[in-house]
Amino acid sequence: MKTWTLLALIIPLTACGNLNLTAEPERETRPAYDLSDPDWDGVITARDNCLDSPTRSSVDNDGCHLGDTQILQHDLTILFAHDRSLITSEYQDEINQMAAFMEDNPNLRLLLEGHASQVGPRDYNVALSKRRAETVRQALIQSGVSGERLEIIGYGDTRPMLMGSDEQSHAANRRVVGALTSSRGAVRMRWDVYSVER
């Protein structure tokens, strides 16, 4: 009886010796559809019929831009001296180009967001950022843009582009940022006016 009991225990153990107890390597799984959204319109590539829609624009369920699909973009860079809000004459061409761009696109409005570096008191920086934005606004008005299409706001030093206490950070933070928007509220574009110390 002991022999049969011993054989009953040994036979299953020898069968286990033939089993491979190591796990198979994991296989890479691939999605059946492309789930990416390279144009950031909220519609995955597998369903997107308009892969070239303007970035962050309003789209329909097929990913196609609602309204005019023309992508409007215009950049402007104006450098200011430290603690100044005056635009030098060398930048008049850039102001004129922005004014012409807005004349060609009468449905656009421009919000001028003034910023300052973190040097000096906060209240002073808010006032300085508003003066810089107002200076750019007045220059655009003198170039033919209706004041009703231009708005300003001063953020002072509360929204720095670069964190740091070096001159490069301060120079990048002394800026005016313009946000072009359609009156219909569709595509939103941005342009920057930087101020640096000379």
N, C-alpha and C. Protein backbone atom coordinates (compact mmCIF):
# COMPACT_ATOMS: atom_id res chain seq x y z
N MET A 1 0.81 -1.17 0.00
CA MET A 1 0.00 0.00 0.00
C MET A 1 0.87 1.26 0.00
N LYS A 2 1.97 1.17 0.81
CA LYS A 2 2.85 2.31 0.84
C LYS A 2 3.48 2.54 -0.53
N THR A 3 3.74 1.47 -1.25
CA THR A 3 4.35 1.60 -2.57
C THR A 3 3.41 2.30 -3.52
N TRP A 4 2.15 1.90 -3.47
CA TRP A 4 1.17 2.55 -4.36
C TRP A 4 0.98 4.02 -4.00
N THR A 5 1.00 4.36 -2.75
CA THR A 5 0.87 5.75 -2.33
C THR A 5 2.07 6.55 -2.78
N LEU A 6 3.25 5.95 -2.64
CA LEU A 6 4.46 6.62 -3.06
C LEU A 6 4.47 6.83 -4.57
N LEU A 7 4.04 5.83 -5.33
CA LEU A 7 3.96 5.96 -6.79
C LEU A 7 2.92 7.01 -7.19
N ALA A 8 1.83 7.08 -6.46
CA ALA A 8 0.79 8.06 -6.76
C ALA A 8 1.32 9.49 -6.56
N LEU A 9 2.25 9.69 -5.67
CA LEU A 9 2.83 11.01 -5.45
C LEU A 9 3.96 11.31 -6.43
N ILE A 10 4.73 10.32 -6.80
CA ILE A 10 5.90 10.53 -7.68
C ILE A 10 5.47 10.75 -9.13
N ILE A 11 4.50 10.02 -9.61
CA ILE A 11 4.08 10.15 -11.02
C ILE A 11 3.64 11.57 -11.36
N PRO A 12 2.78 12.24 -10.56
CA PRO A 12 2.42 13.62 -10.89
C PRO A 12 3.62 14.57 -10.82
N LEU A 13 4.55 14.32 -9.90
CA LEU A 13 5.71 15.19 -9.79
C LEU A 13 6.61 15.07 -11.01
N THR A 14 6.76 13.90 -11.58
CA THR A 14 7.58 13.73 -12.77
C THR A 14 6.91 14.37 -13.97
N ALA A 15 5.59 14.40 -14.00
CA ALA A 15 4.87 15.05 -15.10
C ALA A 15 5.08 16.56 -15.03
N CYS A 16 5.22 17.11 -13.82
CA CYS A 16 5.44 18.55 -13.67
C CYS A 16 6.82 18.94 -14.18
N GLY A 17 7.76 18.03 -14.16
CA GLY A 17 9.10 18.34 -14.65
C GLY A 17 9.11 18.64 -16.13
N ASN A 18 8.14 18.20 -16.89
CA ASN A 18 8.06 18.45 -18.32
C ASN A 18 7.37 19.78 -18.65
N LEU A 19 6.76 20.42 -17.66
CA LEU A 19 6.06 21.68 -17.90
C LEU A 19 7.05 22.84 -17.92
N ASN A 20 6.78 23.81 -18.78
CA ASN A 20 7.58 25.03 -18.84
C ASN A 20 6.88 26.07 -17.96
N LEU A 21 7.47 26.40 -16.83
CA LEU A 21 6.83 27.29 -15.88
C LEU A 21 7.24 28.76 -16.08
N THR A 22 8.07 29.05 -17.08
CA THR A 22 8.45 30.45 -17.32
C THR A 22 7.36 31.15 -18.13
N ALA A 23 7.19 32.44 -17.86
CA ALA A 23 6.16 33.22 -18.55
C ALA A 23 6.65 33.60 -19.95
N GLU A 24 5.72 33.64 -20.87
CA GLU A 24 6.06 34.11 -22.22
C GLU A 24 6.32 35.60 -22.18
N PRO A 25 7.25 36.09 -23.01
CA PRO A 25 7.45 37.54 -23.04
C PRO A 25 6.19 38.23 -23.55
N GLU A 26 5.95 39.42 -23.00
CA GLU A 26 4.76 40.16 -23.41
C GLU A 26 4.91 40.61 -24.85
N ARG A 27 3.83 40.50 -25.59
CA ARG A 27 3.83 40.97 -26.97
C ARG A 27 3.34 42.40 -27.01
N GLU A 28 3.92 43.19 -27.89
CA GLU A 28 3.48 44.58 -28.03
C GLU A 28 2.09 44.59 -28.66
N THR A 29 1.20 45.29 -28.01
CA THR A 29 -0.14 45.40 -28.55
C THR A 29 -0.23 46.68 -29.37
N ARG A 30 -0.86 46.59 -30.47
CA ARG A 30 -1.04 47.74 -31.34
C ARG A 30 -2.53 48.03 -31.45
N PRO A 31 -2.89 49.31 -31.31
CA PRO A 31 -4.31 49.64 -31.44
C PRO A 31 -4.79 49.39 -32.87
N ALA A 32 -6.04 49.03 -32.99
CA ALA A 32 -6.61 48.78 -34.31
C ALA A 32 -6.75 50.07 -35.10
N TYR A 33 -6.84 51.21 -34.40
CA TYR A 33 -7.01 52.51 -35.04
C TYR A 33 -6.00 53.50 -34.48
N ASP A 34 -5.69 54.50 -35.27
CA ASP A 34 -4.78 55.56 -34.83
C ASP A 34 -5.55 56.50 -33.89
N LEU A 35 -5.17 56.49 -32.61
CA LEU A 35 -5.88 57.26 -31.60
C LEU A 35 -5.23 58.61 -31.33
N SER A 36 -4.23 58.98 -32.12
CA SER A 36 -3.56 60.26 -31.90
C SER A 36 -4.41 61.42 -32.44
N ASP A 37 -4.04 62.63 -32.05
CA ASP A 37 -4.75 63.84 -32.50
C ASP A 37 -3.71 64.93 -32.77
N PRO A 38 -2.96 64.81 -33.89
CA PRO A 38 -1.86 65.75 -34.13
C PRO A 38 -2.29 67.19 -34.37
N ASP A 39 -3.52 67.44 -34.80
CA ASP A 39 -3.94 68.83 -35.03
C ASP A 39 -4.71 69.39 -33.83
N TRP A 40 -4.74 68.67 -32.72
CA TRP A 40 -5.31 69.14 -31.44
C TRP A 40 -6.75 69.65 -31.59
N ASP A 41 -7.54 69.00 -32.43
CA ASP A 41 -8.92 69.47 -32.60
C ASP A 41 -9.92 68.63 -31.82
N GLY A 42 -9.45 67.62 -31.08
CA GLY A 42 -10.33 66.80 -30.26
C GLY A 42 -10.93 65.61 -30.99
N VAL A 43 -10.55 65.40 -32.26
CA VAL A 43 -11.05 64.27 -33.04
C VAL A 43 -9.84 63.38 -33.37
N ILE A 44 -9.91 62.08 -33.00
CA ILE A 44 -8.77 61.20 -33.24
C ILE A 44 -8.55 61.01 -34.74
N THR A 45 -7.33 60.71 -35.11
CA THR A 45 -6.94 60.58 -36.52
C THR A 45 -7.79 59.54 -37.25
N ALA A 46 -8.17 58.46 -36.57
CA ALA A 46 -8.96 57.42 -37.22
C ALA A 46 -10.30 57.94 -37.71
N ARG A 47 -10.84 58.99 -37.08
CA ARG A 47 -12.14 59.56 -37.47
C ARG A 47 -12.02 60.90 -38.16
N ASP A 48 -10.82 61.49 -38.15
CA ASP A 48 -10.61 62.86 -38.63
C ASP A 48 -10.56 62.90 -40.16
N ASN A 49 -11.51 63.59 -40.79
CA ASN A 49 -11.52 63.74 -42.24
C ASN A 49 -10.74 64.97 -42.70
N CYS A 50 -10.34 65.82 -41.77
CA CYS A 50 -9.61 67.05 -42.11
C CYS A 50 -8.40 67.15 -41.18
N LEU A 51 -7.33 66.46 -41.53
CA LEU A 51 -6.14 66.43 -40.68
C LEU A 51 -5.39 67.75 -40.66
N ASP A 52 -5.77 68.68 -41.53
CA ASP A 52 -5.06 69.96 -41.59
C ASP A 52 -5.88 71.10 -41.00
N SER A 53 -6.84 70.80 -40.12
CA SER A 53 -7.63 71.88 -39.53
C SER A 53 -6.75 72.74 -38.65
N PRO A 54 -7.04 74.04 -38.53
CA PRO A 54 -6.21 74.93 -37.72
C PRO A 54 -6.15 74.45 -36.27
N THR A 55 -4.99 74.58 -35.66
CA THR A 55 -4.78 74.13 -34.29
C THR A 55 -5.77 74.79 -33.35
N ARG A 56 -6.40 73.95 -32.53
CA ARG A 56 -7.34 74.36 -31.48
C ARG A 56 -8.53 75.17 -32.02
N SER A 57 -8.94 74.90 -33.24
CA SER A 57 -10.09 75.61 -33.80
C SER A 57 -11.36 74.81 -33.54
N SER A 58 -12.50 75.42 -33.74
CA SER A 58 -13.78 74.73 -33.59
C SER A 58 -13.97 73.84 -34.81
N VAL A 59 -14.33 72.57 -34.54
CA VAL A 59 -14.50 71.60 -35.63
C VAL A 59 -15.81 70.86 -35.45
N ASP A 60 -16.26 70.21 -36.54
CA ASP A 60 -17.45 69.37 -36.46
C ASP A 60 -17.02 67.96 -36.03
N ASN A 61 -17.96 67.00 -36.03
CA ASN A 61 -17.67 65.63 -35.59
C ASN A 61 -16.67 64.91 -36.48
N ASP A 62 -16.47 65.39 -37.71
CA ASP A 62 -15.51 64.77 -38.62
C ASP A 62 -14.14 65.43 -38.54
N GLY A 63 -13.96 66.40 -37.64
CA GLY A 63 -12.67 67.07 -37.48
C GLY A 63 -12.44 68.19 -38.47
N CYS A 64 -13.48 68.62 -39.19
CA CYS A 64 -13.34 69.69 -40.17
C CYS A 64 -13.69 71.03 -39.53
N HIS A 65 -12.88 72.02 -39.82
CA HIS A 65 -13.03 73.36 -39.25
C HIS A 65 -14.38 73.95 -39.62
N LEU A 66 -15.05 74.54 -38.64
CA LEU A 66 -16.32 75.21 -38.88
C LEU A 66 -16.05 76.62 -39.37
N GLY A 67 -16.50 76.95 -40.53
CA GLY A 67 -16.30 78.30 -41.05
C GLY A 67 -15.12 78.36 -42.00
N ASP A 68 -14.52 79.53 -42.06
CA ASP A 68 -13.41 79.79 -42.98
C ASP A 68 -12.20 78.98 -42.54
N THR A 69 -11.62 78.19 -43.44
CA THR A 69 -10.50 77.34 -43.09
C THR A 69 -9.15 78.00 -43.35
N GLN A 70 -9.15 79.28 -43.70
CA GLN A 70 -7.89 79.97 -43.93
C GLN A 70 -7.18 80.18 -42.60
N ILE A 71 -5.92 79.78 -42.54
CA ILE A 71 -5.14 79.96 -41.34
C ILE A 71 -4.49 81.33 -41.40
N LEU A 72 -4.81 82.18 -40.44
CA LEU A 72 -4.27 83.53 -40.41
C LEU A 72 -3.19 83.61 -39.36
N GLN A 73 -2.05 84.13 -39.76
CA GLN A 73 -0.95 84.24 -38.81
C GLN A 73 -0.13 85.46 -39.16
N HIS A 74 0.25 86.19 -38.16
CA HIS A 74 1.13 87.33 -38.35
C HIS A 74 1.90 87.56 -37.07
N ASP A 75 3.20 87.68 -37.18
CA ASP A 75 4.04 87.89 -36.01
C ASP A 75 4.61 89.30 -36.01
N LEU A 76 4.85 89.82 -34.82
CA LEU A 76 5.41 91.15 -34.65
C LEU A 76 6.33 91.12 -33.43
N THR A 77 7.52 91.63 -33.57
CA THR A 77 8.45 91.71 -32.45
C THR A 77 8.97 93.13 -32.33
N ILE A 78 8.79 93.72 -31.16
CA ILE A 78 9.26 95.08 -30.88
C ILE A 78 10.06 95.02 -29.60
N LEU A 79 11.27 95.54 -29.62
CA LEU A 79 12.12 95.54 -28.44
C LEU A 79 12.03 96.88 -27.71
N PHE A 80 11.89 96.81 -26.39
CA PHE A 80 11.83 98.00 -25.54
C PHE A 80 13.10 98.09 -24.71
N ALA A 81 13.48 99.28 -24.32
CA ALA A 81 14.57 99.47 -23.36
C ALA A 81 14.06 99.11 -21.97
N HIS A 82 14.96 98.85 -21.05
CA HIS A 82 14.60 98.53 -19.67
C HIS A 82 13.80 99.68 -19.04
N ASP A 83 12.71 99.32 -18.39
CA ASP A 83 11.86 100.28 -17.68
C ASP A 83 11.30 101.35 -18.62
N ARG A 84 11.06 101.00 -19.87
CA ARG A 84 10.54 101.94 -20.86
C ARG A 84 9.30 101.34 -21.53
N SER A 85 8.50 102.25 -22.09
CA SER A 85 7.32 101.82 -22.82
C SER A 85 7.26 102.47 -24.20
N LEU A 86 8.37 103.08 -24.64
CA LEU A 86 8.39 103.74 -25.94
C LEU A 86 8.88 102.79 -27.03
N ILE A 87 8.19 102.84 -28.17
CA ILE A 87 8.59 102.04 -29.32
C ILE A 87 9.48 102.92 -30.19
N THR A 88 10.66 102.44 -30.53
CA THR A 88 11.57 103.23 -31.36
C THR A 88 11.12 103.16 -32.82
N SER A 89 11.58 104.13 -33.60
CA SER A 89 11.14 104.25 -35.00
C SER A 89 11.56 103.05 -35.86
N GLU A 90 12.58 102.33 -35.44
CA GLU A 90 13.02 101.18 -36.24
C GLU A 90 11.94 100.09 -36.33
N TYR A 91 10.94 100.13 -35.48
CA TYR A 91 9.88 99.11 -35.48
C TYR A 91 8.59 99.58 -36.15
N GLN A 92 8.62 100.74 -36.77
CA GLN A 92 7.41 101.25 -37.41
C GLN A 92 6.95 100.34 -38.55
N ASP A 93 7.89 99.72 -39.27
CA ASP A 93 7.51 98.80 -40.36
C ASP A 93 6.70 97.62 -39.83
N GLU A 94 7.10 97.07 -38.69
CA GLU A 94 6.36 95.95 -38.10
C GLU A 94 4.95 96.37 -37.67
N ILE A 95 4.85 97.57 -37.11
CA ILE A 95 3.53 98.10 -36.72
C ILE A 95 2.67 98.26 -37.97
N ASN A 96 3.25 98.81 -39.03
CA ASN A 96 2.50 99.01 -40.28
C ASN A 96 2.06 97.67 -40.89
N GLN A 97 2.91 96.66 -40.79
CA GLN A 97 2.55 95.34 -41.33
C GLN A 97 1.40 94.73 -40.55
N MET A 98 1.40 94.88 -39.22
CA MET A 98 0.28 94.37 -38.43
C MET A 98 -1.00 95.13 -38.77
N ALA A 99 -0.89 96.44 -38.95
CA ALA A 99 -2.06 97.25 -39.30
C ALA A 99 -2.61 96.82 -40.66
N ALA A 100 -1.74 96.57 -41.63
CA ALA A 100 -2.17 96.11 -42.95
C ALA A 100 -2.81 94.74 -42.86
N PHE A 101 -2.24 93.87 -42.03
CA PHE A 101 -2.80 92.53 -41.83
C PHE A 101 -4.21 92.62 -41.26
N MET A 102 -4.40 93.49 -40.29
CA MET A 102 -5.73 93.65 -39.69
C MET A 102 -6.70 94.32 -40.66
N GLU A 103 -6.20 95.21 -41.52
CA GLU A 103 -7.05 95.82 -42.54
C GLU A 103 -7.52 94.77 -43.55
N ASP A 104 -6.65 93.84 -43.90
CA ASP A 104 -7.01 92.77 -44.83
C ASP A 104 -7.95 91.75 -44.19
N ASN A 105 -8.01 91.74 -42.87
CA ASN A 105 -8.84 90.78 -42.12
C ASN A 105 -9.73 91.56 -41.14
N PRO A 106 -10.77 92.20 -41.66
CA PRO A 106 -11.58 93.10 -40.83
C PRO A 106 -12.36 92.40 -39.71
N ASN A 107 -12.44 91.08 -39.74
CA ASN A 107 -13.17 90.37 -38.68
C ASN A 107 -12.29 90.08 -37.47
N LEU A 108 -11.01 90.48 -37.52
CA LEU A 108 -10.10 90.19 -36.41
C LEU A 108 -10.08 91.32 -35.38
N ARG A 109 -9.91 90.92 -34.13
CA ARG A 109 -9.72 91.85 -33.02
C ARG A 109 -8.38 91.49 -32.39
N LEU A 110 -7.80 92.41 -31.66
CA LEU A 110 -6.49 92.18 -31.07
C LEU A 110 -6.51 92.56 -29.59
N LEU A 111 -6.18 91.60 -28.74
CA LEU A 111 -6.03 91.85 -27.31
C LEU A 111 -4.55 91.96 -27.03
N LEU A 112 -4.12 93.10 -26.50
CA LEU A 112 -2.72 93.33 -26.17
C LEU A 112 -2.52 93.08 -24.68
N GLU A 113 -1.77 92.05 -24.35
CA GLU A 113 -1.52 91.65 -22.96
C GLU A 113 -0.14 92.13 -22.56
N GLY A 114 -0.08 93.12 -21.67
CA GLY A 114 1.20 93.65 -21.21
C GLY A 114 1.77 92.85 -20.06
N HIS A 115 3.09 92.67 -20.09
CA HIS A 115 3.81 91.94 -19.04
C HIS A 115 5.05 92.72 -18.64
N ALA A 116 5.58 92.43 -17.47
CA ALA A 116 6.81 93.06 -16.99
C ALA A 116 7.67 92.01 -16.29
N SER A 117 8.93 92.34 -16.11
CA SER A 117 9.82 91.43 -15.38
C SER A 117 9.54 91.55 -13.89
N GLN A 118 10.15 90.68 -13.11
CA GLN A 118 9.90 90.66 -11.67
C GLN A 118 10.84 91.59 -10.91
N VAL A 119 11.37 92.60 -11.59
CA VAL A 119 12.21 93.60 -10.95
C VAL A 119 11.30 94.77 -10.57
N GLY A 120 11.37 95.21 -9.34
CA GLY A 120 10.56 96.34 -8.90
C GLY A 120 9.26 95.92 -8.24
N PRO A 121 8.56 96.90 -7.67
CA PRO A 121 7.29 96.61 -6.98
C PRO A 121 6.20 96.12 -7.94
N ARG A 122 5.35 95.28 -7.43
CA ARG A 122 4.28 94.67 -8.23
C ARG A 122 3.35 95.72 -8.84
N ASP A 123 2.93 96.71 -8.06
CA ASP A 123 2.02 97.75 -8.57
C ASP A 123 2.66 98.53 -9.72
N TYR A 124 3.94 98.83 -9.57
CA TYR A 124 4.65 99.55 -10.64
C TYR A 124 4.71 98.71 -11.91
N ASN A 125 4.97 97.41 -11.76
CA ASN A 125 5.06 96.52 -12.92
C ASN A 125 3.73 96.38 -13.64
N VAL A 126 2.63 96.38 -12.90
CA VAL A 126 1.31 96.33 -13.53
C VAL A 126 1.09 97.59 -14.36
N ALA A 127 1.41 98.75 -13.78
CA ALA A 127 1.25 100.01 -14.50
C ALA A 127 2.16 100.06 -15.73
N LEU A 128 3.40 99.59 -15.59
CA LEU A 128 4.34 99.59 -16.72
C LEU A 128 3.84 98.67 -17.83
N SER A 129 3.33 97.51 -17.48
CA SER A 129 2.84 96.57 -18.50
C SER A 129 1.64 97.17 -19.24
N LYS A 130 0.78 97.90 -18.54
CA LYS A 130 -0.35 98.57 -19.20
C LYS A 130 0.14 99.68 -20.12
N ARG A 131 1.15 100.44 -19.68
CA ARG A 131 1.69 101.50 -20.54
C ARG A 131 2.30 100.93 -21.82
N ARG A 132 3.02 99.82 -21.72
CA ARG A 132 3.60 99.20 -22.92
C ARG A 132 2.50 98.74 -23.87
N ALA A 133 1.46 98.10 -23.34
CA ALA A 133 0.36 97.64 -24.19
C ALA A 133 -0.36 98.83 -24.82
N GLU A 134 -0.54 99.90 -24.06
CA GLU A 134 -1.21 101.09 -24.59
C GLU A 134 -0.35 101.76 -25.66
N THR A 135 0.96 101.75 -25.50
CA THR A 135 1.85 102.32 -26.52
C THR A 135 1.71 101.58 -27.84
N VAL A 136 1.67 100.25 -27.78
CA VAL A 136 1.48 99.45 -29.00
C VAL A 136 0.10 99.71 -29.58
N ARG A 137 -0.91 99.83 -28.72
CA ARG A 137 -2.27 100.11 -29.18
C ARG A 137 -2.31 101.45 -29.93
N GLN A 138 -1.72 102.48 -29.35
CA GLN A 138 -1.72 103.80 -29.99
C GLN A 138 -0.96 103.78 -31.32
N ALA A 139 0.13 103.04 -31.38
CA ALA A 139 0.89 102.93 -32.63
C ALA A 139 0.05 102.26 -33.71
N LEU A 140 -0.73 101.25 -33.34
CA LEU A 140 -1.60 100.58 -34.31
C LEU A 140 -2.74 101.50 -34.74
N ILE A 141 -3.28 102.28 -33.83
CA ILE A 141 -4.34 103.24 -34.18
C ILE A 141 -3.80 104.28 -35.15
N GLN A 142 -2.59 104.79 -34.90
CA GLN A 142 -1.98 105.77 -35.79
C GLN A 142 -1.71 105.18 -37.17
N SER A 143 -1.58 103.84 -37.23
CA SER A 143 -1.36 103.17 -38.51
C SER A 143 -2.66 102.75 -39.19
N GLY A 144 -3.80 103.14 -38.62
CA GLY A 144 -5.07 102.91 -39.28
C GLY A 144 -5.98 101.85 -38.70
N VAL A 145 -5.60 101.19 -37.62
CA VAL A 145 -6.46 100.18 -37.01
C VAL A 145 -7.45 100.89 -36.09
N SER A 146 -8.72 100.53 -36.19
CA SER A 146 -9.73 101.11 -35.33
C SER A 146 -9.48 100.73 -33.88
N GLY A 147 -9.58 101.71 -32.99
CA GLY A 147 -9.39 101.45 -31.57
C GLY A 147 -10.40 100.49 -30.99
N GLU A 148 -11.57 100.37 -31.64
CA GLU A 148 -12.61 99.44 -31.19
C GLU A 148 -12.18 97.99 -31.36
N ARG A 149 -11.21 97.75 -32.21
CA ARG A 149 -10.72 96.39 -32.46
C ARG A 149 -9.53 96.04 -31.59
N LEU A 150 -9.10 96.96 -30.74
CA LEU A 150 -7.91 96.77 -29.91
C LEU A 150 -8.26 96.90 -28.44
N GLU A 151 -7.85 95.94 -27.65
CA GLU A 151 -8.05 95.98 -26.20
C GLU A 151 -6.71 95.75 -25.52
N ILE A 152 -6.56 96.25 -24.31
CA ILE A 152 -5.32 96.03 -23.57
C ILE A 152 -5.63 95.49 -22.19
N ILE A 153 -4.65 94.79 -21.64
CA ILE A 153 -4.71 94.33 -20.26
C ILE A 153 -3.26 94.28 -19.76
N GLY A 154 -3.05 94.64 -18.50
CA GLY A 154 -1.71 94.61 -17.91
C GLY A 154 -1.62 93.55 -16.83
N TYR A 155 -0.73 92.59 -17.02
CA TYR A 155 -0.55 91.52 -16.04
C TYR A 155 0.64 91.77 -15.12
N GLY A 156 1.43 92.78 -15.40
CA GLY A 156 2.60 93.04 -14.57
C GLY A 156 3.56 91.88 -14.64
N ASP A 157 4.02 91.42 -13.46
CA ASP A 157 4.99 90.32 -13.42
C ASP A 157 4.34 89.00 -13.00
N THR A 158 3.01 88.89 -13.10
CA THR A 158 2.31 87.70 -12.60
C THR A 158 2.33 86.52 -13.56
N ARG A 159 2.69 86.72 -14.82
CA ARG A 159 2.71 85.63 -15.79
C ARG A 159 4.04 85.62 -16.54
N PRO A 160 5.13 85.27 -15.85
CA PRO A 160 6.43 85.29 -16.52
C PRO A 160 6.54 84.21 -17.59
N MET A 161 7.24 84.55 -18.66
CA MET A 161 7.52 83.56 -19.71
C MET A 161 8.66 82.66 -19.25
N LEU A 162 9.68 83.24 -18.61
CA LEU A 162 10.82 82.49 -18.09
C LEU A 162 10.96 82.77 -16.61
N MET A 163 11.17 81.74 -15.84
CA MET A 163 11.43 81.90 -14.41
C MET A 163 12.93 82.09 -14.23
N GLY A 164 13.31 83.00 -13.39
CA GLY A 164 14.73 83.22 -13.13
C GLY A 164 14.98 84.67 -12.79
N SER A 165 16.17 84.91 -12.23
CA SER A 165 16.51 86.27 -11.86
C SER A 165 17.66 86.81 -12.71
N ASP A 166 18.01 86.12 -13.79
CA ASP A 166 19.07 86.61 -14.67
C ASP A 166 18.49 87.57 -15.71
N GLU A 167 19.38 88.27 -16.39
CA GLU A 167 18.94 89.29 -17.34
C GLU A 167 18.17 88.70 -18.51
N GLN A 168 18.53 87.51 -18.94
CA GLN A 168 17.81 86.87 -20.05
C GLN A 168 16.35 86.63 -19.68
N SER A 169 16.10 86.16 -18.47
CA SER A 169 14.73 85.93 -18.01
C SER A 169 13.97 87.24 -17.90
N HIS A 170 14.61 88.25 -17.31
CA HIS A 170 13.95 89.55 -17.17
C HIS A 170 13.61 90.13 -18.54
N ALA A 171 14.53 90.02 -19.49
CA ALA A 171 14.31 90.57 -20.83
C ALA A 171 13.14 89.88 -21.52
N ALA A 172 13.03 88.56 -21.38
CA ALA A 172 11.94 87.82 -22.01
C ALA A 172 10.60 88.13 -21.36
N ASN A 173 10.61 88.50 -20.09
CA ASN A 173 9.37 88.76 -19.37
C ASN A 173 8.85 90.18 -19.58
N ARG A 174 9.67 91.08 -20.06
CA ARG A 174 9.22 92.45 -20.36
C ARG A 174 8.68 92.45 -21.78
N ARG A 175 7.39 92.18 -21.91
CA ARG A 175 6.83 91.96 -23.24
C ARG A 175 5.37 92.39 -23.31
N VAL A 176 4.89 92.48 -24.55
CA VAL A 176 3.47 92.62 -24.82
C VAL A 176 3.11 91.47 -25.75
N VAL A 177 2.07 90.73 -25.38
CA VAL A 177 1.61 89.60 -26.18
C VAL A 177 0.26 89.98 -26.77
N GLY A 178 0.10 89.79 -28.07
CA GLY A 178 -1.16 90.09 -28.72
C GLY A 178 -1.88 88.82 -29.12
N ALA A 179 -3.17 88.74 -28.81
CA ALA A 179 -3.99 87.59 -29.19
C ALA A 179 -4.99 88.05 -30.24
N LEU A 180 -4.80 87.59 -31.48
CA LEU A 180 -5.74 87.89 -32.56
C LEU A 180 -6.92 86.96 -32.46
N THR A 181 -8.13 87.51 -32.49
CA THR A 181 -9.33 86.67 -32.43
C THR A 181 -10.32 87.12 -33.49
N SER A 182 -11.08 86.17 -33.95
CA SER A 182 -12.13 86.47 -34.92
C SER A 182 -13.33 87.01 -34.17
N SER A 183 -14.08 87.91 -34.79
CA SER A 183 -15.30 88.41 -34.16
C SER A 183 -16.30 87.28 -33.96
N ARG A 184 -16.20 86.24 -34.79
CA ARG A 184 -17.08 85.09 -34.65
C ARG A 184 -16.58 84.12 -33.59
N GLY A 185 -15.38 84.39 -33.05
CA GLY A 185 -14.85 83.54 -31.99
C GLY A 185 -14.27 82.24 -32.49
N ALA A 186 -13.78 82.18 -33.71
CA ALA A 186 -13.25 80.93 -34.26
C ALA A 186 -11.77 80.78 -33.92
N VAL A 187 -10.91 80.88 -34.90
CA VAL A 187 -9.49 80.62 -34.71
C VAL A 187 -8.83 81.73 -33.91
N ARG A 188 -7.94 81.35 -33.01
CA ARG A 188 -7.24 82.31 -32.17
C ARG A 188 -5.75 82.21 -32.47
N MET A 189 -5.13 83.34 -32.81
CA MET A 189 -3.71 83.37 -33.07
C MET A 189 -3.04 84.30 -32.06
N ARG A 190 -1.71 84.21 -31.91
CA ARG A 190 -0.99 85.06 -30.97
C ARG A 190 0.24 85.66 -31.63
N TRP A 191 0.61 86.84 -31.16
CA TRP A 191 1.89 87.42 -31.55
C TRP A 191 2.50 88.07 -30.33
N ASP A 192 3.80 88.22 -30.33
CA ASP A 192 4.52 88.71 -29.16
C ASP A 192 5.27 90.00 -29.49
N VAL A 193 5.34 90.87 -28.49
CA VAL A 193 6.18 92.05 -28.53
C VAL A 193 7.07 91.93 -27.30
N TYR A 194 8.36 91.71 -27.52
CA TYR A 194 9.29 91.53 -26.42
C TYR A 194 10.01 92.84 -26.12
N SER A 195 10.37 93.04 -24.87
CA SER A 195 11.18 94.18 -24.50
C SER A 195 12.44 93.65 -23.84
N VAL A 196 13.58 94.19 -24.20
CA VAL A 196 14.85 93.77 -23.60
C VAL A 196 15.63 95.01 -23.20
N GLU A 197 16.49 94.81 -22.22
CA GLU A 197 17.33 95.92 -21.77
C GLU A 197 18.49 96.07 -22.71
N ARG A 198 18.83 97.31 -23.05
CA ARG A 198 19.98 97.55 -23.93
C ARG A 198 21.10 98.16 -23.13
